[in-house]
Amino acid sequence: MSQKIVGGSIIGPDASSLISSLTLAIANELTEQQIMQTVFAHPTTGEVIHEAAFGLSIGALHQA
């Protein structure tokens, strides 16, 4: 298994600003590990991409 991100869905108020991060990950064939190693500003809605990558492996850092 390659662990590469091949697709995703984003819905909500900031979807238009979040889709670019997901598009870059897919276009560059990033793995969940590479996304987990990427620095995302805190607190921002952009962190949701980072949290989702953690959710694929060790679990989200900030759970509600």
PDB file of N, CA and C in Angstrom:
ATOM      1  N   MET A   1       0.839  -1.172   0.000  1.00  0.00           N
ATOM      2  CA  MET A   1       0.000   0.000   0.000  1.00  0.00           C
ATOM      3  C   MET A   1       0.893   1.247   0.000  1.00  0.00           C
ATOM      4  N   SER A   2       0.538   2.246  -0.820  1.00  0.00           N
ATOM      5  CA  SER A   2       1.389   3.421  -1.021  1.00  0.00           C
ATOM      6  C   SER A   2       1.219   4.504   0.039  1.00  0.00           C
ATOM      7  N   GLN A   3       0.088   4.528   0.751  1.00  0.00           N
ATOM      8  CA  GLN A   3      -0.200   5.556   1.750  1.00  0.00           C
ATOM      9  C   GLN A   3      -0.398   6.946   1.144  1.00  0.00           C
ATOM     10  N   LYS A   4      -0.469   7.061  -0.186  1.00  0.00           N
ATOM     11  CA  LYS A   4      -0.665   8.358  -0.832  1.00  0.00           C
ATOM     12  C   LYS A   4      -2.128   8.779  -0.747  1.00  0.00           C
ATOM     13  N   ILE A   5      -2.346  10.062  -0.604  1.00  0.00           N
ATOM     14  CA  ILE A   5      -3.691  10.617  -0.584  1.00  0.00           C
ATOM     15  C   ILE A   5      -4.178  10.675  -2.036  1.00  0.00           C
ATOM     16  N   VAL A   6      -5.304  10.062  -2.329  1.00  0.00           N
ATOM     17  CA  VAL A   6      -5.803  10.016  -3.701  1.00  0.00           C
ATOM     18  C   VAL A   6      -7.109  10.784  -3.896  1.00  0.00           C
ATOM     19  N   GLY A   7      -7.696  11.281  -2.827  1.00  0.00           N
ATOM     20  CA  GLY A   7      -8.925  12.038  -2.959  1.00  0.00           C
ATOM     21  C   GLY A   7      -9.432  12.484  -1.604  1.00  0.00           C
ATOM     22  N   GLY A   8     -10.467  13.282  -1.608  1.00  0.00           N
ATOM     23  CA  GLY A   8     -11.039  13.749  -0.353  1.00  0.00           C
ATOM     24  C   GLY A   8     -12.236  14.636  -0.608  1.00  0.00           C
ATOM     25  N   SER A   9     -12.942  14.942   0.441  1.00  0.00           N
ATOM     26  CA  SER A   9     -14.112  15.821   0.367  1.00  0.00           C
ATOM     27  C   SER A   9     -14.012  16.862   1.464  1.00  0.00           C
ATOM     28  N   ILE A  10     -14.383  18.066   1.120  1.00  0.00           N
ATOM     29  CA  ILE A  10     -14.391  19.153   2.101  1.00  0.00           C
ATOM     30  C   ILE A  10     -15.718  19.889   1.965  1.00  0.00           C
ATOM     31  N   ILE A  11     -16.409  20.035   3.095  1.00  0.00           N
ATOM     32  CA  ILE A  11     -17.650  20.810   3.109  1.00  0.00           C
ATOM     33  C   ILE A  11     -17.596  21.780   4.280  1.00  0.00           C
ATOM     34  N   GLY A  12     -18.273  22.887   4.160  1.00  0.00           N
ATOM     35  CA  GLY A  12     -18.340  23.851   5.249  1.00  0.00           C
ATOM     36  C   GLY A  12     -17.963  25.243   4.806  1.00  0.00           C
ATOM     37  N   PRO A  13     -18.011  26.173   5.750  1.00  0.00           N
ATOM     38  CA  PRO A  13     -17.806  27.589   5.435  1.00  0.00           C
ATOM     39  C   PRO A  13     -16.451  27.919   4.805  1.00  0.00           C
ATOM     40  N   ASP A  14     -15.391  27.238   5.195  1.00  0.00           N
ATOM     41  CA  ASP A  14     -14.055  27.549   4.675  1.00  0.00           C
ATOM     42  C   ASP A  14     -13.559  26.533   3.658  1.00  0.00           C
ATOM     43  N   ALA A  15     -14.475  25.787   3.061  1.00  0.00           N
ATOM     44  CA  ALA A  15     -14.088  24.742   2.104  1.00  0.00           C
ATOM     45  C   ALA A  15     -13.267  25.302   0.949  1.00  0.00           C
ATOM     46  N   SER A  16     -13.615  26.483   0.481  1.00  0.00           N
ATOM     47  CA  SER A  16     -12.886  27.048  -0.662  1.00  0.00           C
ATOM     48  C   SER A  16     -11.427  27.358  -0.335  1.00  0.00           C
ATOM     49  N   SER A  17     -11.128  27.671   0.909  1.00  0.00           N
ATOM     50  CA  SER A  17      -9.731  27.933   1.278  1.00  0.00           C
ATOM     51  C   SER A  17      -8.994  26.652   1.666  1.00  0.00           C
ATOM     52  N   LEU A  18      -9.710  25.616   2.045  1.00  0.00           N
ATOM     53  CA  LEU A  18      -9.081  24.356   2.452  1.00  0.00           C
ATOM     54  C   LEU A  18      -8.769  23.440   1.275  1.00  0.00           C
ATOM     55  N   ILE A  19      -9.522  23.557   0.203  1.00  0.00           N
ATOM     56  CA  ILE A  19      -9.366  22.630  -0.922  1.00  0.00           C
ATOM     57  C   ILE A  19      -7.982  22.745  -1.555  1.00  0.00           C
ATOM     58  N   SER A  20      -7.355  23.908  -1.489  1.00  0.00           N
ATOM     59  CA  SER A  20      -6.028  24.064  -2.101  1.00  0.00           C
ATOM     60  C   SER A  20      -4.983  23.178  -1.410  1.00  0.00           C
ATOM     61  N   SER A  21      -5.051  23.052  -0.100  1.00  0.00           N
ATOM     62  CA  SER A  21      -4.111  22.178   0.614  1.00  0.00           C
ATOM     63  C   SER A  21      -4.295  20.729   0.206  1.00  0.00           C
ATOM     64  N   LEU A  22      -5.536  20.305   0.107  1.00  0.00           N
ATOM     65  CA  LEU A  22      -5.821  18.930  -0.296  1.00  0.00           C
ATOM     66  C   LEU A  22      -5.414  18.689  -1.745  1.00  0.00           C
ATOM     67  N   THR A  23      -5.646  19.670  -2.604  1.00  0.00           N
ATOM     68  CA  THR A  23      -5.263  19.559  -4.011  1.00  0.00           C
ATOM     69  C   THR A  23      -3.750  19.429  -4.158  1.00  0.00           C
ATOM     70  N   LEU A  24      -2.996  20.218  -3.393  1.00  0.00           N
ATOM     71  CA  LEU A  24      -1.533  20.113  -3.426  1.00  0.00           C
ATOM     72  C   LEU A  24      -1.054  18.742  -2.954  1.00  0.00           C
ATOM     73  N   ALA A  25      -1.684  18.222  -1.928  1.00  0.00           N
ATOM     74  CA  ALA A  25      -1.299  16.905  -1.414  1.00  0.00           C
ATOM     75  C   ALA A  25      -1.533  15.816  -2.460  1.00  0.00           C
ATOM     76  N   ILE A  26      -2.654  15.886  -3.140  1.00  0.00           N
ATOM     77  CA  ILE A  26      -2.976  14.881  -4.159  1.00  0.00           C
ATOM     78  C   ILE A  26      -2.068  15.039  -5.373  1.00  0.00           C
ATOM     79  N   ALA A  27      -1.905  16.269  -5.855  1.00  0.00           N
ATOM     80  CA  ALA A  27      -1.090  16.520  -7.051  1.00  0.00           C
ATOM     81  C   ALA A  27       0.365  16.116  -6.853  1.00  0.00           C
ATOM     82  N   ASN A  28       0.857  16.261  -5.625  1.00  0.00           N
ATOM     83  CA  ASN A  28       2.257  15.936  -5.336  1.00  0.00           C
ATOM     84  C   ASN A  28       2.430  14.540  -4.739  1.00  0.00           C
ATOM     85  N   GLU A  29       1.340  13.772  -4.747  1.00  0.00           N
ATOM     86  CA  GLU A  29       1.354  12.390  -4.267  1.00  0.00           C
ATOM     87  C   GLU A  29       1.932  12.271  -2.858  1.00  0.00           C
ATOM     88  N   LEU A  30       1.517  13.190  -1.985  1.00  0.00           N
ATOM     89  CA  LEU A  30       1.993  13.163  -0.608  1.00  0.00           C
ATOM     90  C   LEU A  30       1.374  12.001   0.153  1.00  0.00           C
ATOM     91  N   THR A  31       2.117  11.493   1.106  1.00  0.00           N
ATOM     92  CA  THR A  31       1.610  10.447   1.984  1.00  0.00           C
ATOM     93  C   THR A  31       1.057  11.091   3.248  1.00  0.00           C
ATOM     94  N   GLU A  32       0.311  10.309   4.020  1.00  0.00           N
ATOM     95  CA  GLU A  32      -0.199  10.846   5.285  1.00  0.00           C
ATOM     96  C   GLU A  32       0.957  11.256   6.199  1.00  0.00           C
ATOM     97  N   GLN A  33       2.053  10.527   6.163  1.00  0.00           N
ATOM     98  CA  GLN A  33       3.225  10.847   6.985  1.00  0.00           C
ATOM     99  C   GLN A  33       3.802  12.208   6.596  1.00  0.00           C
ATOM    100  N   GLN A  34       3.879  12.492   5.302  1.00  0.00           N
ATOM    101  CA  GLN A  34       4.403  13.785   4.851  1.00  0.00           C
ATOM    102  C   GLN A  34       3.493  14.927   5.271  1.00  0.00           C
ATOM    103  N   ILE A  35       2.196  14.707   5.239  1.00  0.00           N
ATOM    104  CA  ILE A  35       1.259  15.747   5.687  1.00  0.00           C
ATOM    105  C   ILE A  35       1.384  15.945   7.190  1.00  0.00           C
ATOM    106  N   MET A  36       1.573  14.852   7.938  1.00  0.00           N
ATOM    107  CA  MET A  36       1.739  14.952   9.385  1.00  0.00           C
ATOM    108  C   MET A  36       2.998  15.737   9.740  1.00  0.00           C
ATOM    109  N   GLN A  37       4.015  15.702   8.899  1.00  0.00           N
ATOM    110  CA  GLN A  37       5.271  16.407   9.156  1.00  0.00           C
ATOM    111  C   GLN A  37       5.227  17.865   8.685  1.00  0.00           C
ATOM    112  N   THR A  38       4.147  18.258   8.039  1.00  0.00           N
ATOM    113  CA  THR A  38       3.990  19.627   7.555  1.00  0.00           C
ATOM    114  C   THR A  38       3.514  20.523   8.692  1.00  0.00           C
ATOM    115  N   VAL A  39       4.032  21.741   8.750  1.00  0.00           N
ATOM    116  CA  VAL A  39       3.629  22.691   9.781  1.00  0.00           C
ATOM    117  C   VAL A  39       2.383  23.442   9.302  1.00  0.00           C
ATOM    118  N   PHE A  40       1.343  23.409  10.106  1.00  0.00           N
ATOM    119  CA  PHE A  40       0.117  24.147   9.839  1.00  0.00           C
ATOM    120  C   PHE A  40      -0.051  25.185  10.942  1.00  0.00           C
ATOM    121  N   ALA A  41      -0.462  26.392  10.572  1.00  0.00           N
ATOM    122  CA  ALA A  41      -0.652  27.456  11.563  1.00  0.00           C
ATOM    123  C   ALA A  41      -1.741  27.074  12.559  1.00  0.00           C
ATOM    124  N   HIS A  42      -1.556  27.511  13.813  1.00  0.00           N
ATOM    125  CA  HIS A  42      -2.526  27.216  14.866  1.00  0.00           C
ATOM    126  C   HIS A  42      -2.863  28.513  15.582  1.00  0.00           C
ATOM    127  N   PRO A  43      -4.079  28.800  15.843  1.00  0.00           N
ATOM    128  CA  PRO A  43      -5.285  28.073  15.465  1.00  0.00           C
ATOM    129  C   PRO A  43      -5.824  28.577  14.132  1.00  0.00           C
ATOM    130  N   THR A  44      -6.039  27.691  13.211  1.00  0.00           N
ATOM    131  CA  THR A  44      -6.646  28.024  11.921  1.00  0.00           C
ATOM    132  C   THR A  44      -7.523  26.872  11.465  1.00  0.00           C
ATOM    133  N   THR A  45      -8.399  27.156  10.528  1.00  0.00           N
ATOM    134  CA  THR A  45      -9.209  26.073   9.975  1.00  0.00           C
ATOM    135  C   THR A  45      -8.363  25.158   9.104  1.00  0.00           C
ATOM    136  N   GLY A  46      -7.223  25.657   8.606  1.00  0.00           N
ATOM    137  CA  GLY A  46      -6.330  24.842   7.786  1.00  0.00           C
ATOM    138  C   GLY A  46      -5.790  23.630   8.521  1.00  0.00           C
ATOM    139  N   GLU A  47      -5.809  23.682   9.832  1.00  0.00           N
ATOM    140  CA  GLU A  47      -5.336  22.556  10.641  1.00  0.00           C
ATOM    141  C   GLU A  47      -6.171  21.289  10.427  1.00  0.00           C
ATOM    142  N   VAL A  48      -7.350  21.442   9.889  1.00  0.00           N
ATOM    143  CA  VAL A  48      -8.209  20.266   9.699  1.00  0.00           C
ATOM    144  C   VAL A  48      -7.549  19.243   8.768  1.00  0.00           C
ATOM    145  N   ILE A  49      -6.765  19.703   7.798  1.00  0.00           N
ATOM    146  CA  ILE A  49      -6.040  18.795   6.903  1.00  0.00           C
ATOM    147  C   ILE A  49      -4.987  18.020   7.705  1.00  0.00           C
ATOM    148  N   HIS A  50      -4.293  18.717   8.571  1.00  0.00           N
ATOM    149  CA  HIS A  50      -3.286  18.113   9.434  1.00  0.00           C
ATOM    150  C   HIS A  50      -3.934  17.081  10.372  1.00  0.00           C
ATOM    151  N   GLU A  51      -5.033  17.473  10.986  1.00  0.00           N
ATOM    152  CA  GLU A  51      -5.753  16.578  11.893  1.00  0.00           C
ATOM    153  C   GLU A  51      -6.259  15.332  11.165  1.00  0.00           C
ATOM    154  N   ALA A  52      -6.735  15.515   9.947  1.00  0.00           N
ATOM    155  CA  ALA A  52      -7.226  14.374   9.169  1.00  0.00           C
ATOM    156  C   ALA A  52      -6.108  13.388   8.876  1.00  0.00           C
ATOM    157  N   ALA A  53      -4.916  13.889   8.588  1.00  0.00           N
ATOM    158  CA  ALA A  53      -3.777  13.002   8.344  1.00  0.00           C
ATOM    159  C   ALA A  53      -3.447  12.202   9.598  1.00  0.00           C
ATOM    160  N   PHE A  54      -3.458  12.857  10.749  1.00  0.00           N
ATOM    161  CA  PHE A  54      -3.230  12.142  12.001  1.00  0.00           C
ATOM    162  C   PHE A  54      -4.341  11.128  12.264  1.00  0.00           C
ATOM    163  N   GLY A  55      -5.550  11.504  11.893  1.00  0.00           N
ATOM    164  CA  GLY A  55      -6.677  10.591  12.068  1.00  0.00           C
ATOM    165  C   GLY A  55      -6.547   9.313  11.270  1.00  0.00           C
ATOM    166  N   LEU A  56      -5.795   9.360  10.173  1.00  0.00           N
ATOM    167  CA  LEU A  56      -5.579   8.165   9.356  1.00  0.00           C
ATOM    168  C   LEU A  56      -4.627   7.166   9.998  1.00  0.00           C
ATOM    169  N   SER A  57      -3.807   7.642  10.940  1.00  0.00           N
ATOM    170  CA  SER A  57      -2.815   6.737  11.527  1.00  0.00           C
ATOM    171  C   SER A  57      -2.913   6.676  13.051  1.00  0.00           C
ATOM    172  N   ILE A  58      -2.363   7.664  13.745  1.00  0.00           N
ATOM    173  CA  ILE A  58      -2.279   7.570  15.208  1.00  0.00           C
ATOM    174  C   ILE A  58      -3.484   8.179  15.923  1.00  0.00           C
ATOM    175  N   GLY A  59      -4.337   8.861  15.209  1.00  0.00           N
ATOM    176  CA  GLY A  59      -5.502   9.517  15.823  1.00  0.00           C
ATOM    177  C   GLY A  59      -5.293  11.008  15.891  1.00  0.00           C
ATOM    178  N   ALA A  60      -6.380  11.737  15.829  1.00  0.00           N
ATOM    179  CA  ALA A  60      -6.333  13.199  15.832  1.00  0.00           C
ATOM    180  C   ALA A  60      -5.725  13.732  17.128  1.00  0.00           C
ATOM    181  N   LEU A  61      -5.020  14.847  17.015  1.00  0.00           N
ATOM    182  CA  LEU A  61      -4.405  15.472  18.183  1.00  0.00           C
ATOM    183  C   LEU A  61      -5.430  16.204  19.036  1.00  0.00           C
ATOM    184  N   HIS A  62      -6.341  16.913  18.389  1.00  0.00           N
ATOM    185  CA  HIS A  62      -7.348  17.719  19.088  1.00  0.00           C
ATOM    186  C   HIS A  62      -8.716  17.088  18.886  1.00  0.00           C
ATOM    187  N   GLN A  63      -9.137  16.318  19.835  1.00  0.00           N
ATOM    188  CA  GLN A  63     -10.431  15.655  19.723  1.00  0.00           C
ATOM    189  C   GLN A  63     -11.475  16.415  20.516  1.00  0.00           C
ATOM    190  N   ALA A  64     -12.654  16.507  19.938  1.00  0.00           N
ATOM    191  CA  ALA A  64     -13.738  17.243  20.604  1.00  0.00           C
ATOM    192  C   ALA A  64     -14.407  16.382  21.650  1.00  0.00           C
TER     193      ALA A  64
END
